[in-house]
N, C-alpha and C. Protein backbone atom coordinates (compact mmCIF):
# COMPACT_ATOMS: atom_id res chain seq x y z
N MET A 1 -4.09 -30.95 69.95
CA MET A 1 -5.49 -30.53 69.86
C MET A 1 -5.96 -30.05 71.22
N SER A 2 -6.63 -28.91 71.26
CA SER A 2 -7.23 -28.45 72.50
C SER A 2 -8.70 -28.79 72.49
N ASP A 3 -9.32 -28.78 73.67
CA ASP A 3 -10.74 -29.10 73.76
C ASP A 3 -11.58 -28.09 72.99
N LYS A 4 -11.09 -26.85 72.83
CA LYS A 4 -11.85 -25.84 72.10
C LYS A 4 -11.97 -26.22 70.62
N ASP A 5 -11.02 -27.03 70.12
CA ASP A 5 -11.04 -27.42 68.71
C ASP A 5 -11.84 -28.68 68.44
N SER A 6 -12.45 -29.25 69.47
CA SER A 6 -13.16 -30.50 69.28
C SER A 6 -14.51 -30.27 68.63
N SER A 7 -14.81 -31.08 67.65
CA SER A 7 -16.14 -31.08 67.05
C SER A 7 -16.35 -32.41 66.37
N THR A 8 -17.59 -32.79 66.29
CA THR A 8 -17.90 -34.07 65.65
C THR A 8 -17.54 -34.03 64.18
N ALA A 9 -17.87 -32.92 63.51
CA ALA A 9 -17.57 -32.80 62.07
C ALA A 9 -16.07 -32.88 61.83
N LYS A 10 -15.28 -32.18 62.64
CA LYS A 10 -13.82 -32.22 62.48
C LYS A 10 -13.30 -33.63 62.71
N SER A 11 -13.89 -34.34 63.67
CA SER A 11 -13.42 -35.70 63.93
C SER A 11 -13.69 -36.61 62.73
N TYR A 12 -14.85 -36.43 62.07
CA TYR A 12 -15.15 -37.24 60.89
C TYR A 12 -14.20 -36.91 59.73
N ILE A 13 -13.89 -35.64 59.56
CA ILE A 13 -12.96 -35.23 58.49
C ILE A 13 -11.59 -35.82 58.75
N ASP A 14 -11.11 -35.70 60.01
CA ASP A 14 -9.79 -36.25 60.34
C ASP A 14 -9.77 -37.77 60.20
N ALA A 15 -10.85 -38.45 60.55
CA ALA A 15 -10.90 -39.91 60.40
C ALA A 15 -10.86 -40.31 58.93
N THR A 16 -11.53 -39.53 58.09
CA THR A 16 -11.53 -39.81 56.64
C THR A 16 -10.13 -39.60 56.07
N ILE A 17 -9.48 -38.51 56.46
CA ILE A 17 -8.10 -38.25 56.00
C ILE A 17 -7.18 -39.37 56.47
N ALA A 18 -7.36 -39.81 57.72
CA ALA A 18 -6.53 -40.90 58.26
C ALA A 18 -6.72 -42.19 57.46
N SER A 19 -7.95 -42.48 57.07
CA SER A 19 -8.21 -43.69 56.27
C SER A 19 -7.50 -43.60 54.92
N GLY A 20 -7.58 -42.44 54.29
CA GLY A 20 -6.89 -42.26 53.00
C GLY A 20 -5.39 -42.36 53.15
N GLN A 21 -4.87 -41.77 54.20
CA GLN A 21 -3.44 -41.82 54.45
C GLN A 21 -2.99 -43.24 54.75
N SER A 22 -3.79 -43.98 55.47
CA SER A 22 -3.47 -45.37 55.76
C SER A 22 -3.46 -46.21 54.48
N ALA A 23 -4.46 -45.98 53.63
CA ALA A 23 -4.52 -46.70 52.35
C ALA A 23 -3.29 -46.38 51.50
N LEU A 24 -2.91 -45.11 51.48
CA LEU A 24 -1.73 -44.70 50.71
C LEU A 24 -0.48 -45.38 51.28
N GLY A 25 -0.38 -45.41 52.61
CA GLY A 25 0.76 -46.07 53.24
C GLY A 25 0.81 -47.56 52.93
N SER A 26 -0.35 -48.18 52.85
CA SER A 26 -0.40 -49.61 52.51
C SER A 26 0.01 -49.85 51.07
N LEU A 27 -0.43 -48.97 50.18
CA LEU A 27 -0.08 -49.12 48.76
C LEU A 27 1.41 -48.89 48.51
N THR A 28 1.97 -47.89 49.17
CA THR A 28 3.38 -47.56 48.94
C THR A 28 4.32 -48.31 49.87
N GLY A 29 3.78 -48.93 50.91
CA GLY A 29 4.60 -49.63 51.88
C GLY A 29 5.29 -48.70 52.86
N SER A 30 4.84 -47.46 52.93
CA SER A 30 5.46 -46.46 53.81
C SER A 30 4.97 -46.63 55.25
N THR A 31 5.89 -47.03 56.12
CA THR A 31 5.53 -47.16 57.53
C THR A 31 5.29 -45.79 58.16
N GLY A 32 5.95 -44.76 57.63
CA GLY A 32 5.75 -43.40 58.14
C GLY A 32 4.33 -42.93 57.91
N ASP A 33 3.80 -43.18 56.69
CA ASP A 33 2.41 -42.80 56.39
C ASP A 33 1.43 -43.59 57.25
N LYS A 34 1.72 -44.88 57.45
CA LYS A 34 0.85 -45.70 58.29
C LYS A 34 0.83 -45.19 59.73
N ALA A 35 2.00 -44.86 60.25
CA ALA A 35 2.09 -44.36 61.63
C ALA A 35 1.38 -43.01 61.77
N GLU A 36 1.57 -42.14 60.79
CA GLU A 36 0.91 -40.83 60.82
C GLU A 36 -0.61 -41.01 60.72
N ALA A 37 -1.06 -41.96 59.91
CA ALA A 37 -2.49 -42.23 59.79
C ALA A 37 -3.06 -42.74 61.10
N ALA A 38 -2.33 -43.61 61.76
CA ALA A 38 -2.80 -44.15 63.04
C ALA A 38 -2.91 -43.03 64.09
N ALA A 39 -1.92 -42.13 64.08
CA ALA A 39 -1.95 -41.01 65.03
C ALA A 39 -3.13 -40.09 64.73
N ARG A 40 -3.39 -39.83 63.45
CA ARG A 40 -4.51 -38.96 63.07
C ARG A 40 -5.84 -39.62 63.42
N LYS A 41 -5.91 -40.94 63.24
CA LYS A 41 -7.14 -41.67 63.59
C LYS A 41 -7.41 -41.58 65.09
N ASP A 42 -6.35 -41.72 65.91
CA ASP A 42 -6.49 -41.58 67.36
C ASP A 42 -6.93 -40.17 67.73
N GLN A 43 -6.35 -39.17 67.04
CA GLN A 43 -6.72 -37.78 67.30
C GLN A 43 -8.19 -37.56 66.95
N ALA A 44 -8.65 -38.14 65.86
CA ALA A 44 -10.06 -38.00 65.45
C ALA A 44 -10.98 -38.61 66.50
N ALA A 45 -10.60 -39.76 67.02
CA ALA A 45 -11.41 -40.40 68.06
C ALA A 45 -11.46 -39.53 69.32
N SER A 46 -10.32 -38.92 69.68
CA SER A 46 -10.27 -38.02 70.84
C SER A 46 -11.14 -36.79 70.61
N GLU A 47 -11.09 -36.24 69.39
CA GLU A 47 -11.91 -35.06 69.06
C GLU A 47 -13.39 -35.38 69.20
N LYS A 48 -13.78 -36.55 68.68
CA LYS A 48 -15.19 -36.92 68.76
C LYS A 48 -15.61 -37.10 70.22
N GLU A 49 -14.78 -37.77 71.00
CA GLU A 49 -15.08 -37.98 72.41
C GLU A 49 -15.19 -36.65 73.15
N ALA A 50 -14.26 -35.75 72.89
CA ALA A 50 -14.27 -34.43 73.55
C ALA A 50 -15.51 -33.63 73.16
N SER A 51 -15.96 -33.79 71.93
CA SER A 51 -17.13 -33.03 71.49
C SER A 51 -18.42 -33.54 72.13
N HIS A 52 -18.37 -34.73 72.73
CA HIS A 52 -19.54 -35.30 73.39
C HIS A 52 -19.41 -35.32 74.92
N THR A 53 -18.30 -34.80 75.44
CA THR A 53 -18.06 -34.84 76.87
C THR A 53 -18.83 -33.73 77.58
N LEU A 54 -19.46 -34.08 78.67
CA LEU A 54 -20.23 -33.12 79.47
C LEU A 54 -19.93 -33.32 80.94
N GLY A 55 -20.02 -32.22 81.66
CA GLY A 55 -20.06 -32.30 83.10
C GLY A 55 -21.48 -31.97 83.52
N LYS A 56 -22.06 -32.78 84.39
CA LYS A 56 -23.45 -32.55 84.81
C LYS A 56 -23.50 -32.46 86.33
N LEU A 57 -24.23 -31.45 86.80
CA LEU A 57 -24.49 -31.32 88.22
C LEU A 57 -25.92 -30.84 88.35
N GLY A 58 -26.80 -31.78 88.70
CA GLY A 58 -28.23 -31.44 88.77
C GLY A 58 -28.72 -30.98 87.41
N PRO A 59 -29.36 -29.82 87.34
CA PRO A 59 -29.88 -29.34 86.06
C PRO A 59 -28.85 -28.57 85.23
N PHE A 60 -27.59 -28.49 85.70
CA PHE A 60 -26.55 -27.71 85.03
C PHE A 60 -25.63 -28.63 84.25
N ASN A 61 -25.23 -28.16 83.04
CA ASN A 61 -24.36 -28.93 82.16
C ASN A 61 -23.26 -28.00 81.66
N VAL A 62 -22.04 -28.54 81.50
CA VAL A 62 -20.92 -27.75 81.00
C VAL A 62 -20.04 -28.64 80.13
N SER A 63 -19.42 -28.00 79.11
CA SER A 63 -18.51 -28.74 78.23
C SER A 63 -17.09 -28.25 78.46
N PRO A 64 -16.09 -29.01 77.98
CA PRO A 64 -14.70 -28.59 78.13
C PRO A 64 -14.42 -27.25 77.42
N SER A 65 -15.19 -26.92 76.39
CA SER A 65 -14.97 -25.67 75.65
C SER A 65 -15.58 -24.47 76.34
N GLY A 66 -16.27 -24.69 77.46
CA GLY A 66 -16.86 -23.57 78.20
C GLY A 66 -18.33 -23.37 77.95
N GLY A 67 -18.94 -24.17 77.09
CA GLY A 67 -20.38 -24.06 76.84
C GLY A 67 -21.15 -24.51 78.07
N MET A 68 -22.25 -23.81 78.38
CA MET A 68 -23.05 -24.15 79.55
C MET A 68 -24.53 -24.12 79.19
N SER A 69 -25.32 -24.93 79.90
CA SER A 69 -26.76 -24.92 79.71
C SER A 69 -27.43 -25.44 80.97
N THR A 70 -28.73 -25.19 81.05
CA THR A 70 -29.54 -25.78 82.12
C THR A 70 -30.63 -26.60 81.46
N ASN A 71 -31.08 -27.62 82.15
CA ASN A 71 -32.13 -28.49 81.62
C ASN A 71 -33.47 -27.77 81.61
N ASP A 72 -34.34 -28.19 80.70
CA ASP A 72 -35.72 -27.73 80.68
C ASP A 72 -36.35 -28.07 82.03
N PRO A 73 -37.16 -27.17 82.59
CA PRO A 73 -37.76 -27.41 83.90
C PRO A 73 -38.56 -28.72 84.00
N ASN A 74 -39.12 -29.20 82.89
CA ASN A 74 -39.85 -30.46 82.92
C ASN A 74 -38.95 -31.65 83.25
N ARG A 75 -37.66 -31.50 83.08
CA ARG A 75 -36.75 -32.61 83.31
C ARG A 75 -36.40 -32.77 84.78
N THR A 76 -35.95 -31.71 85.43
CA THR A 76 -35.31 -31.92 86.73
C THR A 76 -35.63 -30.91 87.82
N GLU A 77 -36.35 -29.84 87.55
CA GLU A 77 -36.46 -28.78 88.55
C GLU A 77 -37.80 -28.79 89.28
N GLY A 78 -37.74 -28.68 90.57
CA GLY A 78 -38.93 -28.41 91.37
C GLY A 78 -39.85 -29.59 91.61
N LYS A 79 -40.93 -29.30 92.35
CA LYS A 79 -41.87 -30.35 92.75
C LYS A 79 -42.79 -30.77 91.62
N GLN A 80 -42.78 -30.08 90.51
CA GLN A 80 -43.64 -30.46 89.39
C GLN A 80 -42.83 -31.04 88.23
N SER A 81 -41.55 -31.35 88.46
CA SER A 81 -40.73 -31.87 87.38
C SER A 81 -40.97 -33.37 87.16
N GLY A 82 -40.50 -33.84 86.02
CA GLY A 82 -40.64 -35.26 85.70
C GLY A 82 -39.91 -36.15 86.67
N SER A 83 -38.68 -35.77 87.04
CA SER A 83 -37.93 -36.63 87.96
C SER A 83 -38.57 -36.65 89.35
N TRP A 84 -39.12 -35.53 89.79
CA TRP A 84 -39.81 -35.48 91.09
C TRP A 84 -41.02 -36.41 91.06
N ASN A 85 -41.84 -36.28 90.01
CA ASN A 85 -43.04 -37.11 89.91
C ASN A 85 -42.70 -38.59 89.80
N GLN A 86 -41.61 -38.92 89.14
CA GLN A 86 -41.20 -40.32 89.06
C GLN A 86 -40.80 -40.85 90.44
N THR A 87 -40.03 -40.05 91.16
CA THR A 87 -39.57 -40.46 92.49
C THR A 87 -40.74 -40.63 93.46
N VAL A 88 -41.61 -39.64 93.52
CA VAL A 88 -42.76 -39.70 94.43
C VAL A 88 -43.71 -40.82 94.00
N GLY A 89 -43.91 -40.93 92.68
CA GLY A 89 -44.78 -42.00 92.18
C GLY A 89 -44.27 -43.38 92.52
N SER A 90 -42.97 -43.58 92.36
CA SER A 90 -42.37 -44.87 92.71
C SER A 90 -42.51 -45.16 94.20
N ALA A 91 -42.33 -44.13 95.02
CA ALA A 91 -42.46 -44.32 96.47
C ALA A 91 -43.90 -44.70 96.83
N LYS A 92 -44.87 -44.01 96.24
CA LYS A 92 -46.28 -44.34 96.51
C LYS A 92 -46.59 -45.76 96.06
N GLU A 93 -46.09 -46.09 94.87
CA GLU A 93 -46.33 -47.41 94.31
C GLU A 93 -45.76 -48.50 95.24
N SER A 94 -44.52 -48.30 95.69
CA SER A 94 -43.88 -49.28 96.58
C SER A 94 -44.59 -49.37 97.92
N PHE A 95 -44.89 -48.22 98.51
CA PHE A 95 -45.55 -48.21 99.81
C PHE A 95 -46.95 -48.82 99.71
N GLY A 96 -47.68 -48.47 98.65
CA GLY A 96 -49.01 -49.04 98.43
C GLY A 96 -48.96 -50.54 98.30
N GLY A 97 -47.95 -51.03 97.57
CA GLY A 97 -47.78 -52.48 97.42
C GLY A 97 -47.41 -53.14 98.73
N LEU A 98 -46.59 -52.46 99.53
CA LEU A 98 -46.13 -53.00 100.80
C LEU A 98 -47.27 -53.14 101.81
N VAL A 99 -48.13 -52.12 101.90
CA VAL A 99 -49.21 -52.15 102.90
C VAL A 99 -50.53 -52.66 102.33
N GLY A 100 -50.55 -52.98 101.03
CA GLY A 100 -51.76 -53.51 100.43
C GLY A 100 -52.80 -52.46 100.07
N ALA A 101 -52.38 -51.20 99.93
CA ALA A 101 -53.30 -50.11 99.56
C ALA A 101 -53.28 -49.98 98.04
N GLU A 102 -54.21 -50.68 97.40
CA GLU A 102 -54.25 -50.73 95.95
C GLU A 102 -54.44 -49.34 95.33
N GLY A 103 -55.25 -48.48 95.96
CA GLY A 103 -55.47 -47.13 95.45
C GLY A 103 -54.19 -46.31 95.44
N LEU A 104 -53.40 -46.39 96.50
CA LEU A 104 -52.12 -45.67 96.58
C LEU A 104 -51.14 -46.22 95.55
N LYS A 105 -51.15 -47.52 95.37
CA LYS A 105 -50.27 -48.16 94.39
C LYS A 105 -50.61 -47.67 92.98
N LYS A 106 -51.91 -47.64 92.65
CA LYS A 106 -52.35 -47.16 91.33
C LYS A 106 -52.00 -45.68 91.14
N GLU A 107 -52.21 -44.87 92.19
CA GLU A 107 -51.86 -43.45 92.13
C GLU A 107 -50.37 -43.28 91.86
N GLY A 108 -49.55 -44.10 92.51
CA GLY A 108 -48.10 -44.07 92.31
C GLY A 108 -47.72 -44.44 90.89
N GLU A 109 -48.37 -45.46 90.34
CA GLU A 109 -48.10 -45.86 88.96
C GLU A 109 -48.44 -44.71 88.00
N ARG A 110 -49.58 -44.05 88.25
CA ARG A 110 -50.01 -42.95 87.40
C ARG A 110 -49.01 -41.78 87.48
N GLN A 111 -48.60 -41.43 88.71
CA GLN A 111 -47.69 -40.31 88.89
C GLN A 111 -46.31 -40.61 88.30
N ASN A 112 -45.86 -41.85 88.43
CA ASN A 112 -44.58 -42.26 87.86
C ASN A 112 -44.63 -42.14 86.33
N ALA A 113 -45.69 -42.63 85.72
CA ALA A 113 -45.84 -42.54 84.26
C ALA A 113 -45.91 -41.08 83.81
N GLU A 114 -46.64 -40.26 84.57
CA GLU A 114 -46.73 -38.84 84.25
C GLU A 114 -45.34 -38.19 84.29
N GLY A 115 -44.55 -38.55 85.29
CA GLY A 115 -43.18 -38.02 85.42
C GLY A 115 -42.30 -38.43 84.26
N LYS A 116 -42.43 -39.67 83.81
CA LYS A 116 -41.64 -40.13 82.66
C LYS A 116 -42.00 -39.34 81.42
N GLY A 117 -43.30 -39.06 81.25
CA GLY A 117 -43.74 -38.25 80.11
C GLY A 117 -43.21 -36.82 80.18
N GLN A 118 -43.26 -36.23 81.39
CA GLN A 118 -42.73 -34.88 81.57
C GLN A 118 -41.24 -34.83 81.25
N GLU A 119 -40.51 -35.80 81.76
CA GLU A 119 -39.07 -35.80 81.53
C GLU A 119 -38.75 -35.97 80.04
N ALA A 120 -39.48 -36.85 79.36
CA ALA A 120 -39.28 -37.03 77.92
C ALA A 120 -39.60 -35.74 77.16
N GLN A 121 -40.67 -35.06 77.55
CA GLN A 121 -41.04 -33.80 76.90
C GLN A 121 -39.91 -32.78 77.09
N GLY A 122 -39.37 -32.68 78.28
CA GLY A 122 -38.26 -31.76 78.55
C GLY A 122 -37.02 -32.11 77.75
N GLN A 123 -36.73 -33.40 77.63
CA GLN A 123 -35.57 -33.83 76.85
C GLN A 123 -35.73 -33.45 75.39
N LEU A 124 -36.92 -33.68 74.84
CA LEU A 124 -37.16 -33.33 73.44
C LEU A 124 -37.13 -31.82 73.21
N THR A 125 -37.63 -31.05 74.19
CA THR A 125 -37.56 -29.60 74.09
C THR A 125 -36.10 -29.14 74.07
N ASP A 126 -35.28 -29.69 74.98
CA ASP A 126 -33.87 -29.33 75.02
C ASP A 126 -33.14 -29.76 73.75
N LEU A 127 -33.45 -30.95 73.25
CA LEU A 127 -32.82 -31.43 72.03
C LEU A 127 -33.15 -30.51 70.86
N GLY A 128 -34.42 -30.18 70.68
CA GLY A 128 -34.84 -29.33 69.57
C GLY A 128 -34.26 -27.93 69.67
N SER A 129 -34.32 -27.33 70.86
CA SER A 129 -33.78 -25.97 70.99
C SER A 129 -32.27 -25.97 70.87
N GLY A 130 -31.61 -27.04 71.33
CA GLY A 130 -30.16 -27.14 71.18
C GLY A 130 -29.75 -27.17 69.72
N ILE A 131 -30.42 -28.00 68.93
CA ILE A 131 -30.11 -28.09 67.49
C ILE A 131 -30.38 -26.74 66.82
N GLN A 132 -31.53 -26.15 67.11
CA GLN A 132 -31.90 -24.87 66.50
C GLN A 132 -30.89 -23.78 66.85
N ASP A 133 -30.51 -23.67 68.11
CA ASP A 133 -29.57 -22.64 68.51
C ASP A 133 -28.16 -22.90 67.99
N ARG A 134 -27.78 -24.17 67.82
CA ARG A 134 -26.47 -24.47 67.21
C ARG A 134 -26.42 -23.97 65.79
N VAL A 135 -27.49 -24.19 65.05
CA VAL A 135 -27.55 -23.71 63.66
C VAL A 135 -27.49 -22.19 63.63
N LYS A 136 -28.28 -21.54 64.50
CA LYS A 136 -28.26 -20.07 64.57
C LYS A 136 -26.86 -19.56 64.91
N GLY A 137 -26.21 -20.19 65.86
CA GLY A 137 -24.86 -19.78 66.24
C GLY A 137 -23.86 -19.96 65.12
N THR A 138 -23.97 -21.07 64.41
CA THR A 138 -23.06 -21.33 63.30
C THR A 138 -23.25 -20.33 62.17
N VAL A 139 -24.50 -20.15 61.76
CA VAL A 139 -24.79 -19.22 60.66
C VAL A 139 -24.47 -17.79 61.07
N GLY A 140 -24.90 -17.40 62.27
CA GLY A 140 -24.62 -16.05 62.75
C GLY A 140 -23.13 -15.78 62.87
N GLY A 141 -22.37 -16.77 63.35
CA GLY A 141 -20.93 -16.63 63.47
C GLY A 141 -20.26 -16.50 62.12
N ALA A 142 -20.72 -17.29 61.15
CA ALA A 142 -20.16 -17.21 59.80
C ALA A 142 -20.44 -15.83 59.19
N PHE A 143 -21.65 -15.36 59.35
CA PHE A 143 -22.01 -14.04 58.81
C PHE A 143 -21.19 -12.95 59.49
N ALA A 144 -21.06 -13.02 60.82
CA ALA A 144 -20.28 -12.03 61.55
C ALA A 144 -18.81 -12.08 61.12
N GLY A 145 -18.31 -13.28 60.86
CA GLY A 145 -16.93 -13.42 60.39
C GLY A 145 -16.73 -12.78 59.03
N LEU A 146 -17.72 -12.95 58.16
CA LEU A 146 -17.63 -12.34 56.82
C LEU A 146 -17.68 -10.81 56.88
N THR A 147 -18.44 -10.29 57.82
CA THR A 147 -18.57 -8.83 57.94
C THR A 147 -17.49 -8.24 58.83
N GLY A 148 -16.68 -9.07 59.46
CA GLY A 148 -15.59 -8.58 60.29
C GLY A 148 -16.00 -8.18 61.69
N ASP A 149 -17.20 -8.52 62.11
CA ASP A 149 -17.68 -8.17 63.45
C ASP A 149 -17.22 -9.25 64.43
N ARG A 150 -16.03 -9.08 65.00
CA ARG A 150 -15.43 -10.10 65.87
C ARG A 150 -16.22 -10.28 67.16
N GLU A 151 -16.79 -9.21 67.68
CA GLU A 151 -17.58 -9.31 68.92
C GLU A 151 -18.82 -10.18 68.69
N LYS A 152 -19.51 -9.94 67.59
CA LYS A 152 -20.71 -10.72 67.26
C LYS A 152 -20.31 -12.17 66.94
N GLU A 153 -19.18 -12.34 66.28
CA GLU A 153 -18.70 -13.68 65.95
C GLU A 153 -18.46 -14.48 67.24
N GLU A 154 -17.84 -13.86 68.24
CA GLU A 154 -17.60 -14.53 69.53
C GLU A 154 -18.91 -14.83 70.23
N GLU A 155 -19.86 -13.89 70.18
CA GLU A 155 -21.18 -14.09 70.79
C GLU A 155 -21.89 -15.29 70.16
N MET A 156 -21.80 -15.40 68.85
CA MET A 156 -22.45 -16.51 68.13
C MET A 156 -21.73 -17.83 68.40
N ARG A 157 -20.41 -17.78 68.58
CA ARG A 157 -19.68 -19.01 68.92
C ARG A 157 -20.12 -19.51 70.29
N MET A 158 -20.29 -18.60 71.24
CA MET A 158 -20.76 -19.00 72.57
C MET A 158 -22.19 -19.54 72.51
N LYS A 159 -23.03 -18.92 71.67
CA LYS A 159 -24.40 -19.41 71.50
C LYS A 159 -24.37 -20.85 70.98
N HIS A 160 -23.51 -21.08 69.98
CA HIS A 160 -23.34 -22.42 69.42
C HIS A 160 -22.87 -23.40 70.48
N ASP A 161 -21.83 -23.02 71.25
CA ASP A 161 -21.26 -23.92 72.26
C ASP A 161 -22.27 -24.23 73.36
N ASP A 162 -23.01 -23.22 73.82
CA ASP A 162 -24.02 -23.45 74.86
C ASP A 162 -25.12 -24.38 74.34
N ALA A 163 -25.52 -24.16 73.09
CA ALA A 163 -26.57 -24.99 72.50
C ALA A 163 -26.08 -26.43 72.30
N LYS A 164 -24.81 -26.59 71.98
CA LYS A 164 -24.24 -27.92 71.81
C LYS A 164 -24.31 -28.69 73.12
N VAL A 165 -24.02 -28.00 74.23
CA VAL A 165 -24.10 -28.65 75.54
C VAL A 165 -25.54 -29.08 75.83
N LYS A 166 -26.49 -28.20 75.52
CA LYS A 166 -27.91 -28.53 75.76
C LYS A 166 -28.30 -29.75 74.92
N GLN A 167 -27.90 -29.78 73.66
CA GLN A 167 -28.23 -30.89 72.78
C GLN A 167 -27.57 -32.18 73.26
N ARG A 168 -26.28 -32.13 73.57
CA ARG A 168 -25.56 -33.34 74.02
C ARG A 168 -26.13 -33.87 75.33
N SER A 169 -26.50 -32.96 76.24
CA SER A 169 -27.09 -33.38 77.51
C SER A 169 -28.40 -34.14 77.28
N ALA A 170 -29.24 -33.58 76.41
CA ALA A 170 -30.51 -34.25 76.10
C ALA A 170 -30.26 -35.60 75.43
N GLU A 171 -29.31 -35.63 74.48
CA GLU A 171 -28.99 -36.90 73.81
C GLU A 171 -28.52 -37.95 74.81
N ALA A 172 -27.66 -37.54 75.74
CA ALA A 172 -27.14 -38.48 76.74
C ALA A 172 -28.27 -39.02 77.62
N ASP A 173 -29.18 -38.14 78.04
CA ASP A 173 -30.28 -38.58 78.89
C ASP A 173 -31.28 -39.46 78.13
N ILE A 174 -31.51 -39.13 76.87
CA ILE A 174 -32.40 -39.95 76.04
C ILE A 174 -31.79 -41.34 75.85
N GLN A 175 -30.48 -41.39 75.58
CA GLN A 175 -29.80 -42.68 75.40
C GLN A 175 -29.82 -43.48 76.70
N LYS A 176 -29.61 -42.81 77.82
CA LYS A 176 -29.64 -43.47 79.13
C LYS A 176 -31.03 -44.09 79.38
N ALA A 177 -32.07 -43.36 79.05
CA ALA A 177 -33.43 -43.88 79.22
C ALA A 177 -33.69 -45.06 78.29
N ALA A 178 -33.16 -44.98 77.07
CA ALA A 178 -33.36 -46.07 76.11
C ALA A 178 -32.62 -47.33 76.55
N ASP A 179 -31.45 -47.15 77.18
CA ASP A 179 -30.67 -48.30 77.64
C ASP A 179 -31.24 -48.94 78.89
N ALA A 180 -32.07 -48.20 79.62
CA ALA A 180 -32.62 -48.72 80.89
C ALA A 180 -33.68 -49.76 80.67
């Protein structure tokens, strides 16, 4: 399996086939079927993992299949981003608490909360646009494939892959925030 062939749907299909093959091996006593089922199950797990793997560097995200995306500006970019406001807000809050400046501490709490809201808004924007563009890429690619337009089919595949990276990046950041 290459990383280009990884997808969550394919991993679920392969896992289902592996379960059936394992059941058949158990019923017939075939160690060959059991071994093949175990190998297919491992392959399915690898496919699922590969379909969720991302490389992240600041606001840039990339997948093993070549899909790329950038984060919504509310998440990570510039002095008005959510992460900036959280950092500055936390610093004000800490410094205000340290020197006993209640006003600065309250301002820091407000700015930190505002930053968390901005970052969440950016994550939801990226998640929604990622899902929407994945669907567009899938449908557009299928239509282009039916009409024989290979150039358009490749363009739609890249749209799908880029959108998948955007969606997975948002999902990873949302999960990270939920775990914190």
